[in-house]
Amino acid sequence: EGEDSGPVIVKAPAAAPVAVDQKTVVAVKDLLQAMKYSEMMAQMMKQMTAQLPQMIQAEAVQNIRNTPNLTDDQRKEALAEVNKMLPEVVKAARDVLEDPMLIEEIIDAMPALYARHFTYAEVVEMGKFYKTPLGAKTLKVMPVLMAESMQIGQQVVAPRVEARNNSMRLTAQGSVAYTPGFAGSLPCCASRLLFASA
């Protein structure tokens, strides 16, 4: 075991910085490596990026079609504006998801997360487990379980998101900056990204 150089201050999202022992940082990163976490995150980001154009456009078009009191000319104008803005919107989202440092930053935040919920010994044991045949099988089967559970989650969440989207659309109509195509698109897109099947 390497020399303990003292606690490392790790920034954890939505929480104060947590002092994590160096040995715990090493153990968590060893665990994530055993779990093939980087590969899983890269694959997830790739899938999300591939889905972005269709998802953003579909939501924007649906919002335009569902927006009351628009004339046919106004709908055509809004659709044209969506098509015009879509490449820029997609590019902005892709720039975020394809940033090579994104996964590294996420991994750097993991020791603090694990330290809040597991002891050093527990992290070490989990690392050992994922290096066993059963652990390897768990990693292999987990994406299937997650995909099926996310489908269930999407079925449960979709009606609530739609209700919220309708509420946001009604609120947005009272705004000077109201844009029919994109009003309320974000919560729907976010939901679909979170609950998209793998």
Protein backbone atom coordinates (compact mmCIF):
# COMPACT_ATOMS: atom_id res chain seq x y z
CA GLU A 1 0.00 0.00 0.00
CA GLY A 2 1.44 3.43 -0.97
CA GLU A 3 2.37 6.14 1.50
CA ASP A 4 -0.57 8.18 2.73
CA SER A 5 0.21 11.77 1.82
CA GLY A 6 -2.71 13.10 3.87
CA PRO A 7 -6.29 14.04 3.08
CA VAL A 8 -7.21 15.28 -0.35
CA ILE A 9 -9.83 18.01 -0.69
CA VAL A 10 -12.33 16.77 -3.25
CA LYS A 11 -15.13 18.98 -4.58
CA ALA A 12 -18.48 17.23 -4.50
CA PRO A 13 -21.43 18.71 -6.43
CA ALA A 14 -24.19 20.21 -4.28
CA ALA A 15 -22.09 19.71 -1.15
CA ALA A 16 -19.23 21.33 0.71
CA PRO A 17 -15.70 20.12 -0.16
CA VAL A 18 -14.95 16.83 1.58
CA ALA A 19 -11.56 15.80 2.94
CA VAL A 20 -10.86 12.31 1.58
CA ASP A 21 -7.85 10.22 2.56
CA GLN A 22 -5.48 9.53 -0.30
CA LYS A 23 -5.90 5.79 0.18
CA THR A 24 -9.66 6.20 -0.25
CA VAL A 25 -9.16 8.23 -3.42
CA VAL A 26 -6.96 5.44 -4.79
CA ALA A 27 -9.45 2.76 -3.70
CA VAL A 28 -12.41 4.54 -5.31
CA LYS A 29 -10.56 5.05 -8.58
CA ASP A 30 -9.51 1.39 -8.51
CA LEU A 31 -13.17 0.47 -7.98
CA LEU A 32 -14.28 2.66 -10.89
CA GLN A 33 -11.63 1.08 -13.07
CA ALA A 34 -12.87 -2.39 -12.10
CA MET A 35 -16.40 -1.23 -12.96
CA LYS A 36 -15.19 0.10 -16.33
CA TYR A 37 -16.80 3.38 -15.34
CA SER A 38 -14.98 5.50 -17.92
CA GLU A 39 -16.07 3.20 -20.73
CA MET A 40 -19.66 3.17 -19.50
CA MET A 41 -19.76 6.96 -19.23
CA ALA A 42 -18.20 7.40 -22.68
CA GLN A 43 -20.81 5.07 -24.19
CA MET A 44 -23.62 6.90 -22.41
CA MET A 45 -22.36 10.28 -23.62
CA LYS A 46 -22.10 8.91 -27.16
CA GLN A 47 -25.69 7.67 -27.07
CA MET A 48 -26.94 10.95 -25.65
CA THR A 49 -25.07 12.92 -28.32
CA ALA A 50 -26.50 10.77 -31.10
CA GLN A 51 -30.04 11.32 -29.82
CA LEU A 52 -29.80 15.09 -29.39
CA PRO A 53 -30.82 16.37 -32.89
CA GLN A 54 -33.91 14.20 -33.17
CA MET A 55 -34.97 14.78 -29.57
CA ILE A 56 -34.55 18.54 -29.57
CA GLN A 57 -36.25 18.95 -32.95
CA ALA A 58 -39.11 16.60 -32.07
CA GLU A 59 -39.83 18.42 -28.82
CA ALA A 60 -39.67 21.83 -30.46
CA VAL A 61 -41.99 20.77 -33.30
CA GLN A 62 -44.42 19.21 -30.84
CA ASN A 63 -44.47 22.41 -28.79
CA ILE A 64 -45.25 24.44 -31.89
CA ARG A 65 -48.07 22.12 -32.89
CA ASN A 66 -49.50 22.17 -29.37
CA THR A 67 -49.29 25.93 -28.98
CA PRO A 68 -52.79 27.41 -29.25
CA ASN A 69 -53.70 30.63 -31.04
CA LEU A 70 -50.99 30.38 -33.68
CA THR A 71 -51.93 30.96 -37.29
CA ASP A 72 -50.65 28.65 -40.00
CA ASP A 73 -48.17 31.30 -41.07
CA GLN A 74 -46.93 31.70 -37.50
CA ARG A 75 -46.46 27.93 -37.18
CA LYS A 76 -44.51 27.85 -40.43
CA GLU A 77 -42.37 30.73 -39.24
CA ALA A 78 -41.74 29.04 -35.89
CA LEU A 79 -40.82 25.74 -37.60
CA ALA A 80 -38.43 27.57 -39.89
CA GLU A 81 -36.83 29.25 -36.88
CA VAL A 82 -36.43 25.87 -35.16
CA ASN A 83 -34.71 24.40 -38.21
CA LYS A 84 -32.48 27.46 -38.40
CA MET A 85 -31.50 27.35 -34.73
CA LEU A 86 -31.25 23.56 -34.40
CA PRO A 87 -27.63 23.14 -35.57
CA GLU A 88 -26.43 25.79 -33.13
CA VAL A 89 -28.43 24.32 -30.25
CA VAL A 90 -27.19 20.80 -30.99
CA LYS A 91 -23.60 21.98 -31.36
CA ALA A 92 -23.71 23.70 -27.98
CA ALA A 93 -24.99 20.52 -26.33
CA ARG A 94 -22.45 18.35 -28.15
CA ASP A 95 -19.60 20.64 -27.13
CA VAL A 96 -20.51 19.92 -23.53
CA LEU A 97 -20.99 16.17 -23.89
CA GLU A 98 -17.91 15.63 -26.06
CA ASP A 99 -15.52 17.59 -23.85
CA PRO A 100 -12.68 15.08 -23.16
CA MET A 101 -12.33 16.47 -19.64
CA LEU A 102 -15.98 15.89 -18.76
CA ILE A 103 -15.61 12.26 -17.69
CA GLU A 104 -12.35 12.98 -15.87
CA GLU A 105 -14.05 15.72 -13.86
CA ILE A 106 -16.91 13.39 -13.00
CA ILE A 107 -14.46 10.69 -11.88
CA ASP A 108 -12.52 13.22 -9.79
CA ALA A 109 -15.74 13.98 -7.90
CA MET A 110 -16.50 10.33 -7.16
CA PRO A 111 -14.17 9.77 -4.14
CA ALA A 112 -16.07 12.34 -2.09
CA LEU A 113 -19.38 10.75 -3.07
CA TYR A 114 -18.24 7.24 -2.12
CA ALA A 115 -16.58 8.49 1.07
CA ARG A 116 -19.92 9.89 2.24
CA HIS A 117 -21.63 6.54 1.86
CA PHE A 118 -18.94 3.86 2.24
CA THR A 119 -15.94 3.23 4.44
CA TYR A 120 -12.53 2.67 2.93
CA ALA A 121 -12.81 -1.06 3.69
CA GLU A 122 -16.18 -1.28 1.96
CA VAL A 123 -14.83 0.44 -1.16
CA VAL A 124 -11.95 -2.05 -1.24
CA GLU A 125 -14.37 -4.99 -0.92
CA MET A 126 -16.54 -3.66 -3.74
CA GLY A 127 -13.47 -3.37 -5.91
CA LYS A 128 -12.62 -6.98 -5.18
CA PHE A 129 -16.19 -8.05 -5.99
CA TYR A 130 -16.25 -6.44 -9.41
CA LYS A 131 -13.05 -8.29 -10.27
CA THR A 132 -14.74 -11.66 -9.61
CA PRO A 133 -16.75 -13.61 -12.25
CA LEU A 134 -20.02 -12.64 -10.55
CA GLY A 135 -18.94 -9.01 -10.42
CA ALA A 136 -18.04 -9.11 -14.10
CA LYS A 137 -21.44 -10.63 -14.90
CA THR A 138 -23.16 -7.97 -12.82
CA LEU A 139 -21.42 -5.27 -14.86
CA LYS A 140 -22.42 -7.00 -18.08
CA VAL A 141 -26.07 -7.44 -17.11
CA MET A 142 -26.46 -4.04 -15.41
CA PRO A 143 -26.95 -2.05 -18.66
CA VAL A 144 -29.85 -4.35 -19.58
CA LEU A 145 -31.39 -3.95 -16.14
CA MET A 146 -30.90 -0.19 -16.31
CA ALA A 147 -32.41 0.04 -19.81
CA GLU A 148 -35.51 -1.89 -18.77
CA SER A 149 -35.87 0.01 -15.50
CA MET A 150 -35.46 3.32 -17.33
CA GLN A 151 -38.24 2.31 -19.73
CA ILE A 152 -40.45 1.77 -16.69
CA GLY A 153 -39.30 5.10 -15.26
CA GLN A 154 -40.05 6.89 -18.52
CA GLN A 155 -43.56 5.45 -18.58
CA VAL A 156 -44.13 6.76 -15.06
CA VAL A 157 -42.45 10.15 -15.56
CA ALA A 158 -43.69 11.02 -19.08
CA PRO A 159 -47.24 12.05 -18.06
CA ARG A 160 -45.89 14.26 -15.27
CA VAL A 161 -43.34 15.90 -17.56
CA GLU A 162 -46.02 16.54 -20.17
CA ALA A 163 -48.22 18.19 -17.55
CA ARG A 164 -45.30 20.35 -16.42
CA ASN A 165 -44.44 21.18 -20.03
CA ASN A 166 -48.01 22.34 -20.66
CA SER A 167 -47.83 24.52 -17.54
CA MET A 168 -44.55 26.07 -18.69
CA ARG A 169 -45.99 26.68 -22.14
CA LEU A 170 -48.94 28.57 -20.68
CA THR A 171 -46.58 30.62 -18.48
CA ALA A 172 -44.22 31.32 -21.37
CA GLN A 173 -47.02 32.67 -23.53
CA GLY A 174 -47.24 35.64 -21.19
CA SER A 175 -43.56 36.46 -21.72
CA VAL A 176 -42.32 39.04 -24.21
CA ALA A 177 -39.49 36.68 -25.10
CA TYR A 178 -41.82 33.75 -25.78
CA THR A 179 -40.55 31.46 -28.53
CA PRO A 180 -43.16 28.80 -29.43
CA GLY A 181 -40.75 26.15 -30.62
CA PHE A 182 -38.50 25.91 -27.61
CA ALA A 183 -40.81 26.88 -24.76
CA GLY A 184 -40.82 23.96 -22.34
CA SER A 185 -38.57 21.78 -24.51
CA LEU A 186 -35.78 21.51 -21.97
CA PRO A 187 -37.64 19.57 -19.26
CA CYS A 188 -38.90 17.07 -21.80
CA CYS A 189 -35.48 16.63 -23.40
CA ALA A 190 -33.84 16.32 -20.02
CA SER A 191 -36.33 13.68 -18.97
CA ARG A 192 -35.88 11.70 -22.15
CA LEU A 193 -32.10 11.86 -21.84
CA LEU A 194 -32.25 10.67 -18.25
CA PHE A 195 -34.70 7.89 -19.00
CA ALA A 196 -33.51 6.93 -22.49
CA SER A 197 -32.95 3.22 -22.99
CA ALA A 198 -29.32 2.18 -23.27
